[in-house]
C-alpha cells in the first residue's frame, strides 16, 4: 500500500518509499479533555464531547494509513472515581458516537471490538456497543478496539486466576506456562501487540493501560490535548515511528 503525505518532509527517504513500516497496531491514551474544557471556561463534559469527534477523524486517518488495529483508552477502571455527573455523561458517549458515526464506520469497513469488563457498564451503554459490534462483525478492515472499563492490573490478575483454575483442574501443566500461554488469557488474545503507543496532554505515564502488551511498544508523547489532536499529528507519530529501530533487546 502506498501512502502519500506531501506535507511531511524527510531528509532521506519519504515514508512512501517504505510503506511496510507502518505500525500494525496503534494504541492511544486520549488524555486532556477536561483541561481543554477548563482552558475555555467550559464544563468538563464539553471536552469529552469534543474529544469524541476527534476519535472519528483519527479512525479515518488510521484506516487510510493502513493501520490494522487502533486501540483507544476510552474509560478506565479508575474513572469510576470521577463525579457521577461526568461518569453518566461518559457512559452516554458510546451510544452517541455509534448513532452519529456507525454508518461511516460500516462504509469504511471498520470492525468494532472492545476490551474490558463490559458487564459493569450501564445497559444503554452495553446495548450500543453490542449493536455496533454486531453490525460490523463481518468487516475485515481496521479493528477499532475500545478499552472500556479497562484496567491492565485487573486484566492480569484475572488471567492469573483463569490459568490457576486450569492448573487446578489438571488441564494445564505449570511447566508448560510461557508468555504465549499467558497472553492467550488476556483480552487482547486475538490481536497483535501494539507497535506504537500515543499519549496526548503532556502526561508521560501508562496509567494502567496494556502493561503486559506494551513491553516492546514504541512510545510517543505530545503536549497537545486530545480535543486538539488531529490527523496531521497522528501521521507525524507514524513518521516518527518509521525512524525508530526496534531491536527487542538485540543489537
Protein backbone atom coordinates (compact mmCIF):
# COMPACT_ATOMS: atom_id res chain seq x y z
CA UNK A 1 0.00 0.00 0.00
CA UNK A 2 1.42 3.38 -0.97
CA UNK A 3 0.92 6.31 1.38
CA UNK A 4 1.24 9.92 0.25
CA UNK A 5 1.57 12.64 2.84
CA UNK A 6 3.14 15.56 0.93
CA UNK A 7 3.26 17.91 3.91
CA UNK A 8 5.54 15.57 5.88
CA UNK A 9 9.14 16.04 4.70
CA UNK A 10 12.03 13.70 5.44
CA UNK A 11 15.71 14.31 4.77
CA UNK A 12 16.40 10.95 3.15
CA UNK A 13 13.62 8.51 2.34
CA UNK A 14 9.98 9.51 2.33
CA UNK A 15 7.50 7.25 4.06
CA UNK A 16 6.06 6.41 0.64
CA UNK A 17 9.29 4.50 -0.11
CA UNK A 18 8.96 2.14 2.87
CA UNK A 19 5.20 1.61 3.32
CA UNK A 20 5.62 -1.70 5.14
CA UNK A 21 6.91 0.04 8.26
CA UNK A 22 3.54 1.44 9.26
CA UNK A 23 2.65 0.11 12.76
CA UNK A 24 0.11 -2.68 12.59
CA UNK A 25 -1.36 -1.79 15.97
CA UNK A 26 -1.57 1.73 17.40
CA UNK A 27 -2.82 2.31 20.94
CA UNK A 28 -3.82 5.77 22.16
CA UNK A 29 -4.35 7.19 25.64
CA UNK A 30 -6.76 10.01 24.84
CA UNK A 31 -5.92 12.47 27.60
CA UNK A 32 -6.69 16.12 28.21
CA UNK A 33 -10.41 16.53 27.58
CA UNK A 34 -11.06 18.10 30.98
CA UNK A 35 -8.13 20.52 30.75
CA UNK A 36 -9.17 21.52 27.24
CA UNK A 37 -12.62 22.46 28.55
CA UNK A 38 -11.25 24.25 31.62
CA UNK A 39 -8.97 26.42 29.47
CA UNK A 40 -12.09 27.62 27.65
CA UNK A 41 -14.26 28.12 30.71
CA UNK A 42 -16.44 25.17 29.74
CA UNK A 43 -17.68 22.19 31.79
CA UNK A 44 -15.54 19.06 31.55
CA UNK A 45 -18.21 17.25 29.58
CA UNK A 46 -17.69 19.73 26.73
CA UNK A 47 -14.15 18.43 26.40
CA UNK A 48 -15.38 14.85 26.29
CA UNK A 49 -17.87 15.72 23.57
CA UNK A 50 -15.18 17.45 21.51
CA UNK A 51 -12.85 14.50 22.06
CA UNK A 52 -15.48 12.10 20.72
CA UNK A 53 -15.47 13.89 17.38
CA UNK A 54 -11.65 13.63 17.22
CA UNK A 55 -11.99 9.84 17.54
CA UNK A 56 -13.77 9.75 14.19
CA UNK A 57 -11.01 11.77 12.50
CA UNK A 58 -8.23 9.55 13.84
CA UNK A 59 -10.09 6.38 12.88
CA UNK A 60 -10.30 7.64 9.30
CA UNK A 61 -6.63 8.65 9.33
CA UNK A 62 -5.61 5.24 10.67
CA UNK A 63 -7.70 3.49 8.04
CA UNK A 64 -6.14 5.50 5.24
CA UNK A 65 -2.64 4.88 6.60
CA UNK A 66 -3.10 1.12 6.63
CA UNK A 67 -3.10 0.58 10.39
CA UNK A 68 -4.72 -2.76 11.20
CA UNK A 69 -5.72 -2.21 14.86
CA UNK A 70 -6.47 1.04 16.70
CA UNK A 71 -6.99 0.64 20.45
CA UNK A 72 -8.41 3.67 22.26
CA UNK A 73 -8.38 4.01 26.05
CA UNK A 74 -11.93 5.30 26.43
CA UNK A 75 -12.77 4.58 30.09
CA UNK A 76 -10.55 3.07 32.77
CA UNK A 77 -11.50 1.13 35.89
CA UNK A 78 -10.24 4.17 37.84
CA UNK A 79 -12.54 6.59 36.01
CA UNK A 80 -15.49 5.47 38.16
CA UNK A 81 -14.00 7.72 40.86
CA UNK A 82 -14.94 10.82 38.90
CA UNK A 83 -18.08 12.85 39.73
CA UNK A 84 -21.26 10.92 38.97
CA UNK A 85 -22.47 13.55 36.50
CA UNK A 86 -19.27 13.20 34.48
CA UNK A 87 -19.36 9.39 34.57
CA UNK A 88 -23.00 9.43 33.46
CA UNK A 89 -22.08 11.63 30.51
CA UNK A 90 -19.15 9.40 29.57
CA UNK A 91 -21.45 6.38 29.61
CA UNK A 92 -23.68 8.12 27.05
CA UNK A 93 -20.84 8.81 24.61
CA UNK A 94 -20.62 5.30 23.09
CA UNK A 95 -24.30 5.48 22.12
CA UNK A 96 -23.88 8.98 20.70
CA UNK A 97 -20.71 8.03 18.80
CA UNK A 98 -22.38 4.99 17.27
CA UNK A 99 -25.53 6.97 16.41
CA UNK A 100 -23.51 9.59 14.53
CA UNK A 101 -20.60 7.63 13.09
CA UNK A 102 -21.57 3.95 12.86
CA UNK A 103 -22.82 4.27 9.25
CA UNK A 104 -19.46 5.75 8.27
CA UNK A 105 -17.58 3.06 10.19
CA UNK A 106 -19.53 0.43 8.27
CA UNK A 107 -18.83 2.21 4.98
CA UNK A 108 -15.10 2.32 5.79
CA UNK A 109 -15.08 -1.44 6.54
CA UNK A 110 -14.16 -0.80 10.21
CA UNK A 111 -14.73 -3.62 12.69
CA UNK A 112 -15.57 -2.52 16.23
CA UNK A 113 -14.22 -4.52 19.16
CA UNK A 114 -13.83 -3.89 22.90
CA UNK A 115 -11.65 -4.91 25.81
CA UNK A 116 -12.57 -4.52 29.47
CA UNK A 117 -15.25 -5.60 31.93
CA UNK A 118 -18.32 -4.69 29.89
CA UNK A 119 -20.79 -6.36 32.25
CA UNK A 120 -20.34 -3.47 34.72
CA UNK A 121 -21.43 -0.86 32.18
CA UNK A 122 -24.99 0.59 32.17
CA UNK A 123 -27.48 -1.26 30.00
CA UNK A 124 -27.81 1.58 27.48
CA UNK A 125 -24.04 1.74 27.02
CA UNK A 126 -23.71 -2.00 26.65
CA UNK A 127 -26.61 -2.14 24.21
CA UNK A 128 -24.99 0.46 21.94
CA UNK A 129 -21.68 -1.43 21.99
CA UNK A 130 -23.24 -4.80 21.28
CA UNK A 131 -25.23 -3.30 18.41
CA UNK A 132 -22.10 -1.74 16.86
CA UNK A 133 -20.11 -4.96 17.19
CA UNK A 134 -22.91 -6.95 15.61
CA UNK A 135 -23.27 -4.52 12.69
CA UNK A 136 -19.52 -4.57 11.94
CA UNK A 137 -18.63 -8.18 12.76
CA UNK A 138 -18.23 -9.12 9.10
CA UNK A 139 -15.96 -6.17 8.27
CA UNK A 140 -12.31 -7.02 7.68
CA UNK A 141 -10.71 -3.59 7.63
CA UNK A 142 -9.34 -1.61 10.59
CA UNK A 143 -10.21 -3.05 14.00
CA UNK A 144 -11.39 -0.16 16.18
CA UNK A 145 -10.85 -1.51 19.67
CA UNK A 146 -12.34 0.50 22.54
CA UNK A 147 -10.90 -0.11 26.02
CA UNK A 148 -13.98 0.38 28.22
CA UNK A 149 -13.94 -0.18 31.96
CA UNK A 150 -10.43 -1.44 31.35
CA UNK A 151 -7.57 -1.77 33.82
CA UNK A 152 -4.42 -3.69 32.98
CA UNK A 153 -3.67 -4.88 36.52
CA UNK A 154 -7.19 -6.28 36.79
CA UNK A 155 -6.75 -7.96 33.40
CA UNK A 156 -3.50 -9.58 34.52
CA UNK A 157 -4.95 -10.74 37.85
CA UNK A 158 -7.94 -12.27 36.08
CA UNK A 159 -5.59 -14.06 33.69
CA UNK A 160 -3.65 -15.49 36.62
CA UNK A 161 -6.89 -16.70 38.20
CA UNK A 162 -8.01 -18.36 34.97
CA UNK A 163 -4.65 -20.06 34.47
CA UNK A 164 -4.64 -21.23 38.10
CA UNK A 165 -8.07 -22.76 37.61
CA UNK A 166 -6.85 -24.65 34.57
CA UNK A 167 -3.84 -25.94 36.54
CA UNK A 168 -6.02 -26.99 39.49
CA UNK A 169 -8.37 -28.84 37.16
CA UNK A 170 -5.48 -30.71 35.58
CA UNK A 171 -5.96 -29.08 32.18
CA UNK A 172 -2.63 -27.25 32.19
CA UNK A 173 0.81 -28.17 33.48
CA UNK A 174 2.72 -25.44 35.31
CA UNK A 175 5.92 -26.16 33.39
CA UNK A 176 4.06 -25.52 30.11
CA UNK A 177 3.07 -21.97 31.06
CA UNK A 178 5.00 -19.46 28.99
CA UNK A 179 4.46 -15.95 27.62
CA UNK A 180 2.31 -17.18 24.76
CA UNK A 181 0.08 -19.15 27.11
CA UNK A 182 -0.27 -16.18 29.45
CA UNK A 183 -1.08 -13.82 26.56
CA UNK A 184 -3.85 -16.15 25.44
CA UNK A 185 -5.74 -15.37 28.67
CA UNK A 186 -5.71 -11.59 28.12
CA UNK A 187 -8.45 -9.51 26.48
CA UNK A 188 -6.15 -8.94 23.52
CA UNK A 189 -5.53 -12.63 22.82
CA UNK A 190 -6.76 -12.32 19.24
CA UNK A 191 -4.80 -9.16 18.44
CA UNK A 192 -1.19 -8.36 17.72
CA UNK A 193 0.54 -6.36 20.45
CA UNK A 194 0.76 -2.57 19.95
CA UNK A 195 3.68 -1.33 17.89
CA UNK A 196 3.10 2.30 18.81
CA UNK A 197 1.55 4.00 21.84
CA UNK A 198 0.44 7.62 21.61
CA UNK A 199 -0.46 9.67 24.68
CA UNK A 200 -1.74 13.22 24.48
CA UNK A 201 -1.79 16.11 27.01
CA UNK A 202 1.84 16.02 28.15
CA UNK A 203 1.48 13.24 30.72
CA UNK A 204 4.27 10.67 30.49
CA UNK A 205 2.92 7.50 32.07
CA UNK A 206 0.95 4.41 31.08
CA UNK A 207 -1.91 4.81 33.59
CA UNK A 208 -2.63 1.08 33.95
CA UNK A 209 -3.04 0.63 30.19
CA UNK A 210 -1.91 -2.58 28.44
CA UNK A 211 1.03 -3.07 30.80
CA UNK A 212 1.84 -6.58 29.54
CA UNK A 213 1.18 -5.81 25.89
CA UNK A 214 3.31 -2.63 25.79
CA UNK A 215 6.55 -4.39 26.79
CA UNK A 216 8.29 -3.57 23.48
CA UNK A 217 5.99 -0.87 22.15
CA UNK A 218 7.41 2.42 20.86
CA UNK A 219 6.11 5.33 22.97
CA UNK A 220 5.18 8.74 21.55
CA UNK A 221 4.08 11.62 23.77
CA UNK A 222 2.71 15.04 22.87
CA UNK A 223 1.67 18.07 24.92
CA UNK A 224 -1.36 18.55 22.68
CA UNK A 225 -4.67 17.92 24.45
CA UNK A 226 -6.85 15.24 22.90
CA UNK A 227 -9.55 17.59 21.54
CA UNK A 228 -6.80 19.43 19.62
CA UNK A 229 -5.17 16.25 18.33
CA UNK A 230 -5.64 15.83 14.59
CA UNK A 231 -4.78 13.75 11.53
CA UNK A 232 -1.54 15.65 10.90
CA UNK A 233 -0.22 14.91 14.40
CA UNK A 234 -1.27 11.28 14.07
CA UNK A 235 0.66 10.98 10.83
CA UNK A 236 3.64 12.71 12.46
CA UNK A 237 3.63 9.99 15.11
CA UNK A 238 3.64 7.36 12.35
CA UNK A 239 6.57 9.06 10.64
CA UNK A 240 8.50 9.20 13.94
CA UNK A 241 7.79 5.50 14.42
CA UNK A 242 9.19 4.91 10.93
CA UNK A 243 12.58 6.33 12.02
CA UNK A 244 12.98 4.10 15.06
CA UNK A 245 14.94 0.84 15.23
CA UNK A 246 13.13 -1.89 17.15
CA UNK A 247 15.75 -4.33 18.48
CA UNK A 248 13.72 -6.25 21.08
CA UNK A 249 16.79 -6.50 23.31
CA UNK A 250 19.11 -7.43 20.46
CA UNK A 251 21.68 -5.40 18.55
